[in-house]
Amino acid sequence: MTAPHLDSFLDLCRAAVGPQHVLTEAADKAPYLTDWRQRYTGDAVAVLRPGSTEEVAALVHACHAHKLAVVPQGGNTGLCGGATPEAGPAAAAGVVVLSLQRMNRVRHVDPLNNTITVEAGVILQQLQDVAREHGRLFPLSLAAEGSCTIGGNLSTNAGGTAVLRYGNTRELCLGLEVVTARGEVWDGLRGLRKDNTGYDLRDLFIGAEGTLGIITAAVMKLYPLPRARVTALAAVQSPRAALALLAIAQSHASAMLTGFELMSAMCMDLVRKHYPQLRYPFTAATDAHPQLVLLELSDSEGEAHARAIFETMMEAAFEAGVVTDAVVAESVQQSRDFWNLREHIPMAQVEEGKNIKHDIAVPVSRVADFIETTDALVQDAFPGARMVTFGHLGDGNLHYNVSPPVGVDHEQFLIHQDAINLIVHNSVQSHNGSISAEHGLGQLKREENRRYKSEVELGMMRAIKQALDPQGLMNPGKVL
């Protein structure tokens, strides 16, 4: 873009949102141009910070008129580079980052309809807190909930720890407000659970990672607050035993089972190494428990009822030889301590050094087969590699991460990333799974996706993209 045209564009942006919210200095732009994992750093003409849907529409309209691409960004906590512009001269001259952090208002809470209407920049924890103030539960829960935004959660169809009971973010959303690639506003903020009036446009934008339009607000589902929760850590000998425990838990607790997380001994080793202040509740050494399951029951009838069901469930698990040890939280604080062990696994990995991450899903019944098969394949190709495997066993979503052998330089090990990705993702495909469960594709898995999607499926995706964003200006280089 020539200087006069760029000046004209920036003048339009300043008039729309105010000069202080159009960032063009390198130092001001820098925090928005690198992803959370610091794997991707791009460039942009400017970072734009609108404060309302009307301002988003005005900015996108200006971008459309000047043929500038738009990279939407929420809390910038993504793991696949989906909210980071690409690097190079094209990005430096033809891309803007549009940050939605200022759009952080809760517009309406309707306890009777069990809905809350929020703007895209509302932080997930804020949404949870407001729901709780109204005697309601918003069940989406992630490690990054203190900084991720609901717009980003919707754009990646985030999962988290309660998918087993409540579903992904898609299942928690009833309506959207979206600014289209042309700068028009679609108001779909209807808090309806039944609406058969044509194509489901809402589901097009959820999980699209900002490549079709920009989500500016959403109507999200709320639920009654549970009267009681029971949290426990159970030790099992293998992922296969963990699946047996899942079956027992579901048969006894049914929909009361809201969390079921699998964590390997390697995960706990890293957490205990880097966060020794966190209390590990078992007296036995970590390697005595090859796998841990963190499970939680939520009950509307009260503490006594929940504990009675839990005790019957665990008796059955011990009698079946599925569980070798277990600790039940006796207080809210101890429950938080158990969850802290789980939530600190990603942070412990960061402290340990770089690793090769995979966010995959396979049918629940095939999780154990996948772990056994893939562990063997990775070890054959890279002896001594350390598998840091954890995740949401109840819905088949694993974070299957590969760390270098002890003593091997982490940067040197990353040279093998493509080879390890191929091993893991081929195994995912052979187990009828998906190479992206809850983190999205972004830049990281864009090309990998082409390997595993059929041409028919890719063709339909391209047709949707062409129809809604014919100039290809919405988050270029992501997903497709």
Protein backbone atom coordinates (compact mmCIF):
# COMPACT_ATOMS: atom_id res chain seq x y z
CA MET A 1 0.00 0.00 0.00
CA THR A 2 1.37 3.41 -0.96
CA ALA A 3 1.96 6.02 1.73
CA PRO A 4 -0.99 8.30 0.72
CA HIS A 5 -3.41 5.35 0.73
CA LEU A 6 -2.06 4.13 4.07
CA ASP A 7 -2.41 7.60 5.55
CA SER A 8 -5.99 7.76 4.28
CA PHE A 9 -6.76 4.37 5.83
CA LEU A 10 -5.23 5.27 9.20
CA ASP A 11 -7.14 8.56 9.25
CA LEU A 12 -10.40 6.61 8.81
CA CYS A 13 -9.42 4.29 11.66
CA ARG A 14 -8.51 7.17 13.98
CA ALA A 15 -11.81 8.85 13.24
CA ALA A 16 -13.66 5.61 14.03
CA VAL A 17 -12.00 4.59 17.32
CA GLY A 18 -9.83 7.52 18.42
CA PRO A 19 -6.09 8.04 17.76
CA GLN A 20 -5.08 6.35 21.03
CA HIS A 21 -6.59 3.06 19.81
CA VAL A 22 -4.72 2.95 16.49
CA LEU A 23 -1.26 1.64 17.33
CA THR A 24 1.42 2.07 14.69
CA GLU A 25 4.67 2.33 16.69
CA ALA A 26 6.70 -0.89 16.81
CA ALA A 27 6.89 -0.95 20.61
CA ASP A 28 3.13 -0.46 20.94
CA LYS A 29 2.33 -3.18 18.40
CA ALA A 30 4.81 -5.74 19.73
CA PRO A 31 2.61 -7.40 22.42
CA TYR A 32 -0.01 -8.19 19.76
CA LEU A 33 2.37 -9.64 17.17
CA THR A 34 3.74 -12.69 19.01
CA ASP A 35 1.70 -15.68 20.10
CA TRP A 36 1.54 -17.01 23.68
CA ARG A 37 4.00 -19.85 23.01
CA GLN A 38 6.36 -17.40 21.26
CA ARG A 39 6.51 -19.65 18.21
CA TYR A 40 5.10 -17.10 15.76
CA THR A 41 5.94 -13.43 15.35
CA GLY A 42 4.37 -11.45 12.53
CA ASP A 43 3.96 -7.87 11.46
CA ALA A 44 1.09 -5.51 10.78
CA VAL A 45 0.42 -2.02 9.51
CA ALA A 46 -1.40 -1.24 12.74
CA VAL A 47 -3.13 -2.71 15.76
CA LEU A 48 -6.72 -1.48 15.99
CA ARG A 49 -8.61 -1.52 19.30
CA PRO A 50 -12.34 -0.93 18.79
CA GLY A 51 -14.69 -0.51 21.73
CA SER A 52 -18.05 -1.36 20.15
CA THR A 53 -19.63 -3.43 17.39
CA GLU A 54 -20.20 -0.26 15.38
CA GLU A 55 -16.50 0.56 15.60
CA VAL A 56 -15.56 -2.98 14.51
CA ALA A 57 -17.86 -2.62 11.53
CA ALA A 58 -16.36 0.73 10.59
CA LEU A 59 -12.82 -0.63 10.80
CA VAL A 60 -13.60 -3.75 8.78
CA HIS A 61 -15.41 -1.65 6.19
CA ALA A 62 -12.29 0.51 5.87
CA CYS A 63 -10.09 -2.57 5.55
CA HIS A 64 -12.38 -3.97 2.86
CA ALA A 65 -12.28 -0.70 0.92
CA HIS A 66 -8.47 -0.53 1.14
CA LYS A 67 -7.99 -4.30 0.62
CA LEU A 68 -6.22 -4.74 3.95
CA ALA A 69 -6.40 -8.13 5.67
CA VAL A 70 -7.70 -8.41 9.24
CA VAL A 71 -6.35 -10.69 11.98
CA PRO A 72 -8.86 -10.76 14.87
CA GLN A 73 -7.37 -11.25 18.33
CA GLY A 74 -8.85 -11.86 21.78
CA GLY A 75 -6.73 -12.68 24.81
CA ASN A 76 -3.83 -13.91 22.63
CA THR A 77 -3.65 -17.19 24.56
CA GLY A 78 -3.98 -19.52 21.54
CA LEU A 79 -1.57 -22.37 20.98
CA CYS A 80 -1.61 -22.64 17.17
CA GLY A 81 -0.78 -19.12 15.98
CA GLY A 82 -4.34 -18.45 14.91
CA ALA A 83 -4.42 -14.88 16.23
CA THR A 84 -0.95 -13.87 15.05
CA PRO A 85 -0.30 -12.26 11.65
CA GLU A 86 2.10 -13.97 9.32
CA ALA A 87 5.62 -12.61 8.97
CA GLY A 88 7.11 -10.93 5.91
CA PRO A 89 6.69 -7.83 3.75
CA ALA A 90 3.13 -8.73 2.72
CA ALA A 91 1.98 -8.70 6.34
CA ALA A 92 3.92 -5.57 7.15
CA ALA A 93 2.23 -3.70 4.30
CA GLY A 94 -1.18 -5.31 4.04
CA VAL A 95 -2.44 -6.63 7.40
CA VAL A 96 -3.93 -5.16 10.57
CA VAL A 97 -4.51 -6.82 13.93
CA LEU A 98 -7.95 -6.10 15.33
CA SER A 99 -7.92 -6.56 19.11
CA LEU A 100 -11.29 -7.09 20.78
CA GLN A 101 -10.03 -6.65 24.35
CA ARG A 102 -11.88 -3.36 24.85
CA MET A 103 -15.21 -5.01 23.97
CA ASN A 104 -15.57 -6.43 27.46
CA ARG A 105 -19.11 -5.64 28.55
CA VAL A 106 -21.71 -8.04 29.92
CA ARG A 107 -24.80 -6.82 28.11
CA HIS A 108 -27.56 -8.84 29.76
CA VAL A 109 -28.15 -11.67 32.20
CA ASP A 110 -31.45 -13.59 32.01
CA PRO A 111 -31.57 -16.11 34.90
CA LEU A 112 -35.02 -17.34 33.96
CA ASN A 113 -33.92 -18.13 30.38
CA ASN A 114 -30.56 -19.30 31.74
CA THR A 115 -28.61 -17.10 29.34
CA ILE A 116 -25.98 -14.37 29.46
CA THR A 117 -25.17 -11.98 26.61
CA VAL A 118 -21.55 -10.86 26.53
CA GLU A 119 -19.18 -9.08 24.19
CA ALA A 120 -16.30 -10.95 22.60
CA GLY A 121 -13.61 -9.39 24.80
CA VAL A 122 -15.14 -10.56 28.09
CA ILE A 123 -12.58 -12.71 29.91
CA LEU A 124 -13.84 -16.22 30.59
CA GLN A 125 -13.32 -15.95 34.35
CA GLN A 126 -15.31 -12.71 34.40
CA LEU A 127 -18.19 -14.49 32.67
CA GLN A 128 -18.02 -17.31 35.23
CA ASP A 129 -18.03 -14.80 38.11
CA VAL A 130 -21.01 -12.82 36.80
CA ALA A 131 -22.96 -16.04 36.27
CA ARG A 132 -22.20 -17.10 39.86
CA GLU A 133 -23.39 -13.72 41.18
CA HIS A 134 -26.76 -14.53 39.61
CA GLY A 135 -26.87 -18.02 41.11
CA ARG A 136 -25.88 -19.67 37.85
CA LEU A 137 -23.02 -21.74 36.45
CA PHE A 138 -21.16 -21.09 33.23
CA PRO A 139 -19.36 -24.42 32.89
CA LEU A 140 -16.59 -23.71 30.38
CA SER A 141 -13.29 -23.98 32.28
CA LEU A 142 -9.76 -23.73 30.86
CA ALA A 143 -6.27 -23.28 32.24
CA ALA A 144 -6.16 -19.84 30.58
CA GLU A 145 -9.57 -18.73 31.91
CA GLY A 146 -8.02 -15.75 33.69
CA SER A 147 -6.89 -14.22 30.37
CA CYS A 148 -8.64 -15.90 27.43
CA THR A 149 -11.76 -14.23 26.02
CA ILE A 150 -15.12 -15.65 25.06
CA GLY A 151 -14.64 -14.50 21.46
CA GLY A 152 -11.48 -16.56 21.21
CA ASN A 153 -13.18 -19.50 22.94
CA LEU A 154 -15.93 -19.40 20.32
CA SER A 155 -13.54 -18.90 17.41
CA THR A 156 -11.62 -22.06 18.33
CA ASN A 157 -14.63 -23.95 19.75
CA ALA A 158 -12.69 -24.42 22.99
CA GLY A 159 -13.31 -27.50 25.09
CA GLY A 160 -11.86 -27.57 28.59
CA THR A 161 -12.51 -29.82 31.54
CA ALA A 162 -16.33 -30.03 31.58
CA VAL A 163 -17.05 -31.11 27.99
CA LEU A 164 -18.08 -34.55 29.26
CA ARG A 165 -21.17 -33.01 30.88
CA TYR A 166 -21.78 -29.71 29.11
CA GLY A 167 -20.15 -29.96 25.69
CA ASN A 168 -17.71 -27.70 23.81
CA THR A 169 -18.17 -23.94 23.52
CA ARG A 170 -20.36 -24.56 20.47
CA GLU A 171 -22.88 -26.41 22.63
CA LEU A 172 -22.86 -23.54 25.13
CA CYS A 173 -23.75 -20.85 22.57
CA LEU A 174 -27.28 -19.93 21.50
CA GLY A 175 -26.65 -16.85 19.36
CA LEU A 176 -24.00 -14.60 17.87
CA GLU A 177 -23.40 -11.08 16.70
CA VAL A 178 -20.90 -11.01 13.82
CA VAL A 179 -19.25 -8.35 11.67
CA THR A 180 -18.92 -9.80 8.19
CA ALA A 181 -15.95 -9.46 5.85
CA ARG A 182 -17.69 -6.48 4.18
CA GLY A 183 -18.21 -4.63 7.46
CA GLU A 184 -21.90 -5.49 7.81
CA VAL A 185 -23.39 -6.53 11.15
CA TRP A 186 -25.37 -9.74 11.54
CA ASP A 187 -27.45 -9.65 14.74
CA GLY A 188 -28.17 -13.25 15.68
CA LEU A 189 -28.34 -12.66 19.45
CA ARG A 190 -31.42 -14.80 20.00
CA GLY A 191 -31.47 -16.81 23.20
CA LEU A 192 -33.47 -19.61 21.61
CA ARG A 193 -32.97 -23.33 22.03
CA LYS A 194 -35.18 -24.05 19.02
CA ASP A 195 -34.92 -22.04 15.80
CA ASN A 196 -35.43 -23.85 12.50
CA THR A 197 -35.56 -20.90 10.11
CA GLY A 198 -32.81 -21.83 7.66
CA TYR A 199 -29.10 -22.57 7.67
CA ASP A 200 -27.41 -22.46 11.05
CA LEU A 201 -25.17 -19.45 10.45
CA ARG A 202 -24.06 -19.47 14.07
CA ASP A 203 -22.22 -22.75 13.64
CA LEU A 204 -20.37 -21.45 10.58
CA PHE A 205 -18.58 -18.82 12.64
CA ILE A 206 -17.94 -20.93 15.75
CA GLY A 207 -14.64 -22.75 15.23
CA ALA A 208 -13.81 -20.76 12.08
CA GLU A 209 -10.95 -18.91 13.82
CA GLY A 210 -11.98 -15.52 12.43
CA THR A 211 -11.59 -16.60 8.79
CA LEU A 212 -15.25 -15.92 7.88
CA GLY A 213 -16.12 -12.91 10.04
CA ILE A 214 -15.52 -11.39 13.46
CA ILE A 215 -17.61 -12.50 16.44
CA THR A 216 -18.40 -9.39 18.49
CA ALA A 217 -20.95 -10.75 21.00
CA ALA A 218 -22.69 -13.97 21.98
CA VAL A 219 -25.61 -15.37 23.95
CA MET A 220 -24.26 -18.17 26.15
CA LYS A 221 -26.09 -20.83 28.14
CA LEU A 222 -26.16 -20.84 31.93
CA TYR A 223 -27.02 -23.65 34.32
CA PRO A 224 -28.19 -23.84 37.93
CA LEU A 225 -25.30 -23.86 40.37
CA PRO A 226 -24.68 -27.37 41.73
CA ARG A 227 -25.34 -27.71 45.44
CA ALA A 228 -22.41 -30.04 45.95
CA ARG A 229 -19.21 -31.18 44.29
CA VAL A 230 -17.07 -34.20 45.07
CA THR A 231 -13.52 -34.23 43.69
CA ALA A 232 -11.06 -37.08 43.88
CA LEU A 233 -7.75 -38.35 42.53
CA ALA A 234 -7.67 -42.05 41.68
CA ALA A 235 -4.54 -44.04 40.83
CA VAL A 236 -4.75 -46.61 38.03
CA GLN A 237 -2.17 -48.76 36.30
CA SER A 238 -2.87 -47.85 32.68
CA PRO A 239 -5.06 -45.82 30.31
CA ARG A 240 -7.03 -49.03 29.75
CA ALA A 241 -7.79 -49.18 33.47
CA ALA A 242 -8.77 -45.51 33.36
CA LEU A 243 -11.33 -46.33 30.66
CA ALA A 244 -12.71 -49.10 32.86
CA LEU A 245 -13.04 -46.57 35.68
CA LEU A 246 -14.84 -44.17 33.32
CA ALA A 247 -17.39 -46.86 32.47
CA ILE A 248 -17.98 -47.57 36.18
CA ALA A 249 -18.28 -43.85 36.96
CA GLN A 250 -20.77 -43.23 34.18
CA SER A 251 -22.91 -46.22 35.18
CA HIS A 252 -23.13 -44.98 38.78
CA ALA A 253 -23.11 -41.19 38.38
CA SER A 254 -24.49 -40.63 34.87
CA ALA A 255 -24.81 -36.88 34.16
CA MET A 256 -23.43 -36.04 37.61
CA LEU A 257 -19.97 -36.91 36.26
CA THR A 258 -18.71 -33.51 35.08
CA GLY A 259 -14.94 -34.03 34.98
CA PHE A 260 -12.71 -36.98 34.12
CA GLU A 261 -9.09 -36.06 33.44
CA LEU A 262 -6.21 -38.45 32.71
CA MET A 263 -2.66 -37.55 33.79
CA SER A 264 0.44 -39.71 33.36
CA ALA A 265 3.18 -40.10 35.96
CA MET A 266 5.44 -38.04 33.68
CA CYS A 267 3.01 -35.13 33.97
CA MET A 268 3.10 -35.32 37.76
CA ASP A 269 6.90 -35.62 37.75
CA LEU A 270 7.15 -32.32 35.86
CA VAL A 271 4.61 -30.56 38.08
CA ARG A 272 6.34 -31.74 41.26
CA LYS A 273 9.74 -30.74 39.88
CA HIS A 274 8.81 -27.21 38.85
CA TYR A 275 6.03 -26.47 41.36
CA PRO A 276 7.10 -28.21 44.58
CA GLN A 277 4.77 -25.95 46.58
CA LEU A 278 1.76 -27.80 45.13
CA ARG A 279 0.67 -30.63 47.39
CA TYR A 280 0.80 -34.12 45.90
CA PRO A 281 -1.69 -36.12 47.99
CA PHE A 282 -0.30 -39.64 47.66
CA THR A 283 2.43 -40.92 49.99
CA ALA A 284 3.75 -43.41 47.42
CA ALA A 285 6.33 -42.32 44.84
CA THR A 286 4.99 -40.99 41.55
CA ASP A 287 6.13 -44.04 39.59
CA ALA A 288 3.96 -46.25 41.82
CA HIS A 289 0.97 -44.69 40.07
CA PRO A 290 1.56 -44.82 36.28
CA GLN A 291 -1.68 -42.94 35.64
CA LEU A 292 -3.90 -40.66 37.70
CA VAL A 293 -7.53 -39.82 37.08
CA LEU A 294 -8.98 -36.55 38.38
CA LEU A 295 -12.73 -36.95 38.54
CA GLU A 296 -15.50 -34.70 39.76
CA LEU A 297 -19.19 -35.16 40.46
CA SER A 298 -21.61 -32.23 40.57
CA ASP A 299 -24.95 -32.75 42.28
CA SER A 300 -28.11 -30.68 42.64
CA GLU A 301 -29.36 -32.69 45.64
CA GLY A 302 -26.58 -31.97 48.11
CA GLU A 303 -23.34 -33.17 49.67
CA ALA A 304 -24.66 -36.32 51.33
CA HIS A 305 -26.27 -37.59 48.13
CA ALA A 306 -23.17 -36.86 46.05
CA ARG A 307 -20.81 -38.60 48.50
CA ALA A 308 -23.05 -41.64 48.76
CA ILE A 309 -23.00 -42.12 45.00
CA PHE A 310 -19.27 -41.48 44.90
CA GLU A 311 -18.54 -44.04 47.62
CA THR A 312 -20.63 -46.71 45.88
CA MET A 313 -18.84 -45.96 42.62
CA MET A 314 -15.37 -46.21 44.14
CA GLU A 315 -16.23 -49.42 45.99
CA ALA A 316 -17.16 -50.97 42.67
CA ALA A 317 -13.91 -49.71 41.12
CA PHE A 318 -11.76 -51.15 43.91
CA GLU A 319 -13.61 -54.47 43.83
CA ALA A 320 -13.03 -54.70 40.09
CA GLY A 321 -9.30 -54.09 40.59
CA VAL A 322 -9.46 -50.97 38.45
CA VAL A 323 -8.30 -48.46 41.10
CA THR A 324 -5.22 -49.05 43.26
CA ASP A 325 -5.43 -45.92 45.44
CA ALA A 326 -7.66 -42.87 45.79
CA VAL A 327 -7.90 -39.62 47.72
CA VAL A 328 -11.15 -37.68 48.09
CA ALA A 329 -11.09 -33.91 48.62
CA GLU A 330 -12.43 -33.05 52.08
CA SER A 331 -12.72 -29.32 51.50
CA VAL A 332 -13.13 -26.75 48.73
CA GLN A 333 -9.45 -25.88 49.11
CA GLN A 334 -8.35 -29.48 48.70
CA SER A 335 -10.50 -29.76 45.58
CA ARG A 336 -8.72 -26.69 44.21
CA ASP A 337 -5.39 -28.28 45.11
CA PHE A 338 -6.25 -31.34 43.02
CA TRP A 339 -7.26 -29.19 40.06
CA ASN A 340 -4.10 -27.12 40.47
CA LEU A 341 -2.04 -30.24 39.82
CA ARG A 342 -3.90 -30.72 36.54
CA GLU A 343 -3.84 -27.08 35.49
CA HIS A 344 -0.11 -26.69 36.15
CA ILE A 345 0.89 -29.40 33.68
CA PRO A 346 1.15 -27.00 30.69
CA MET A 347 3.09 -24.48 32.80
CA ALA A 348 5.45 -27.20 34.05
CA GLN A 349 6.12 -28.14 30.44
CA VAL A 350 7.06 -24.55 29.69
CA GLU A 351 9.46 -24.55 32.62
CA GLU A 352 10.99 -27.84 31.46
CA GLY A 353 11.65 -26.48 27.97
CA LYS A 354 10.23 -26.67 24.48
CA ASN A 355 8.30 -29.72 23.39
CA ILE A 356 6.22 -30.92 20.46
CA LYS A 357 2.53 -30.53 21.25
CA HIS A 358 -0.45 -32.40 19.85
CA ASP A 359 -4.09 -31.65 20.63
CA ILE A 360 -5.85 -34.72 19.29
CA ALA A 361 -9.13 -36.57 19.68
CA VAL A 362 -10.00 -40.20 19.12
CA PRO A 363 -13.15 -42.14 20.03
CA VAL A 364 -13.15 -42.69 23.79
CA SER A 365 -13.12 -46.45 23.30
CA ARG A 366 -9.84 -46.22 21.35
CA VAL A 367 -7.85 -43.94 23.66
CA ALA A 368 -5.85 -46.74 25.26
CA ASP A 369 -5.08 -48.34 21.89
CA PHE A 370 -3.92 -44.98 20.55
CA ILE A 371 -1.60 -44.28 23.49
CA GLU A 372 -0.05 -47.76 23.43
CA THR A 373 0.44 -47.79 19.65
CA THR A 374 1.71 -44.23 19.33
CA ASP A 375 4.06 -44.45 22.31
CA ALA A 376 5.71 -47.48 20.68
CA LEU A 377 6.00 -45.77 17.29
CA VAL A 378 7.57 -42.62 18.77
CA GLN A 379 10.00 -44.64 20.89
CA ASP A 380 11.06 -46.72 17.89
CA ALA A 381 11.85 -43.57 15.91
CA PHE A 382 13.23 -41.45 18.78
CA PRO A 383 14.45 -43.63 21.66
CA GLY A 384 14.20 -41.95 25.04
CA ALA A 385 11.60 -39.36 23.99
CA ARG A 386 9.34 -38.51 26.92
CA MET A 387 5.60 -38.58 26.36
CA VAL A 388 3.72 -36.03 28.46
CA THR A 389 0.19 -37.31 27.96
CA PHE A 390 -2.83 -35.82 29.69
CA GLY A 391 -6.28 -34.60 28.85
CA HIS A 392 -10.01 -34.98 28.86
CA LEU A 393 -10.45 -38.74 28.80
CA GLY A 394 -14.23 -38.44 29.12
CA ASP A 395 -14.50 -36.95 25.63
CA GLY A 396 -11.47 -38.55 23.98
CA ASN A 397 -9.34 -35.39 23.80
CA LEU A 398 -5.67 -35.92 24.64
CA HIS A 399 -2.78 -33.49 24.84
CA TYR A 400 -0.16 -35.86 23.51
CA ASN A 401 3.07 -33.94 23.93
CA VAL A 402 6.57 -35.20 23.18
CA SER A 403 9.57 -33.89 25.13
CA PRO A 404 13.19 -34.61 24.25
CA PRO A 405 15.12 -37.38 26.00
CA VAL A 406 16.95 -36.32 29.15
CA GLY A 407 20.13 -34.46 28.22
CA VAL A 408 19.10 -33.68 24.62
CA ASP A 409 19.02 -30.01 23.62
CA HIS A 410 15.44 -28.86 23.24
CA GLU A 411 16.06 -26.69 20.18
CA GLN A 412 17.84 -29.55 18.45
CA PHE A 413 14.96 -31.88 19.25
CA LEU A 414 12.49 -29.49 17.60
CA ILE A 415 14.20 -30.22 14.29
CA HIS A 416 12.29 -33.51 14.38
CA GLN A 417 8.91 -31.83 14.81
CA ASP A 418 7.61 -32.65 11.32
CA ALA A 419 8.65 -36.28 11.60
CA ILE A 420 7.04 -36.68 15.02
CA ASN A 421 3.90 -34.88 13.88
CA LEU A 422 3.61 -37.31 10.99
CA ILE A 423 3.91 -40.32 13.29
CA VAL A 424 1.35 -38.97 15.74
CA HIS A 425 -1.15 -37.67 13.21
CA ASN A 426 -0.99 -40.80 11.06
CA SER A 427 -1.77 -42.78 14.20
CA VAL A 428 -4.65 -40.40 14.96
CA GLN A 429 -6.08 -41.02 11.50
CA SER A 430 -5.72 -44.79 11.81
CA HIS A 431 -7.72 -44.58 15.04
CA ASN A 432 -10.50 -42.54 13.35
CA GLY A 433 -9.53 -39.36 15.17
CA SER A 434 -8.91 -35.65 14.61
CA ILE A 435 -5.58 -33.80 14.62
CA SER A 436 -7.20 -30.80 16.35
CA ALA A 437 -9.63 -31.24 19.22
CA GLU A 438 -9.90 -27.88 21.00
CA HIS A 439 -6.96 -25.65 20.04
CA GLY A 440 -7.91 -25.01 16.41
CA LEU A 441 -5.68 -25.17 13.33
CA GLY A 442 -4.25 -21.66 13.07
CA GLN A 443 -0.93 -21.55 11.26
CA LEU A 444 0.43 -24.60 13.04
CA LYS A 445 -1.82 -27.26 11.51
CA ARG A 446 -3.03 -25.56 8.36
CA GLU A 447 -0.95 -27.68 6.00
CA GLU A 448 -1.31 -30.81 8.14
CA ASN A 449 -5.08 -30.51 7.78
CA ARG A 450 -4.78 -30.85 4.01
CA ARG A 451 -3.09 -34.21 4.49
CA TYR A 452 -6.05 -35.70 6.33
CA LYS A 453 -9.13 -33.94 4.94
CA SER A 454 -10.73 -35.26 1.77
CA GLU A 455 -10.87 -33.04 -1.30
CA VAL A 456 -14.65 -33.06 -1.05
CA GLU A 457 -14.51 -31.70 2.51
CA LEU A 458 -11.83 -29.12 1.68
CA GLY A 459 -13.79 -28.08 -1.39
CA MET A 460 -16.89 -27.35 0.67
CA MET A 461 -14.83 -25.36 3.17
CA ARG A 462 -13.28 -23.30 0.36
CA ALA A 463 -16.72 -22.66 -1.14
CA ILE A 464 -17.96 -21.28 2.20
CA LYS A 465 -14.85 -19.12 2.53
CA GLN A 466 -15.29 -17.77 -1.02
CA ALA A 467 -18.95 -16.97 -0.40
CA LEU A 468 -18.42 -15.09 2.86
CA ASP A 469 -14.95 -13.61 2.26
CA PRO A 470 -14.38 -13.42 -1.51
CA GLN A 471 -11.35 -11.12 -1.17
CA GLY A 472 -9.70 -13.44 1.35
CA LEU A 473 -9.17 -10.65 3.88
CA MET A 474 -10.32 -12.40 7.06
CA ASN A 475 -7.39 -13.90 9.00
CA PRO A 476 -5.39 -14.99 5.96
CA GLY A 477 -3.10 -18.00 6.21
CA LYS A 478 -5.20 -19.71 8.88
CA VAL A 479 -7.29 -22.91 8.59
CA LEU A 480 -7.21 -22.96 4.75
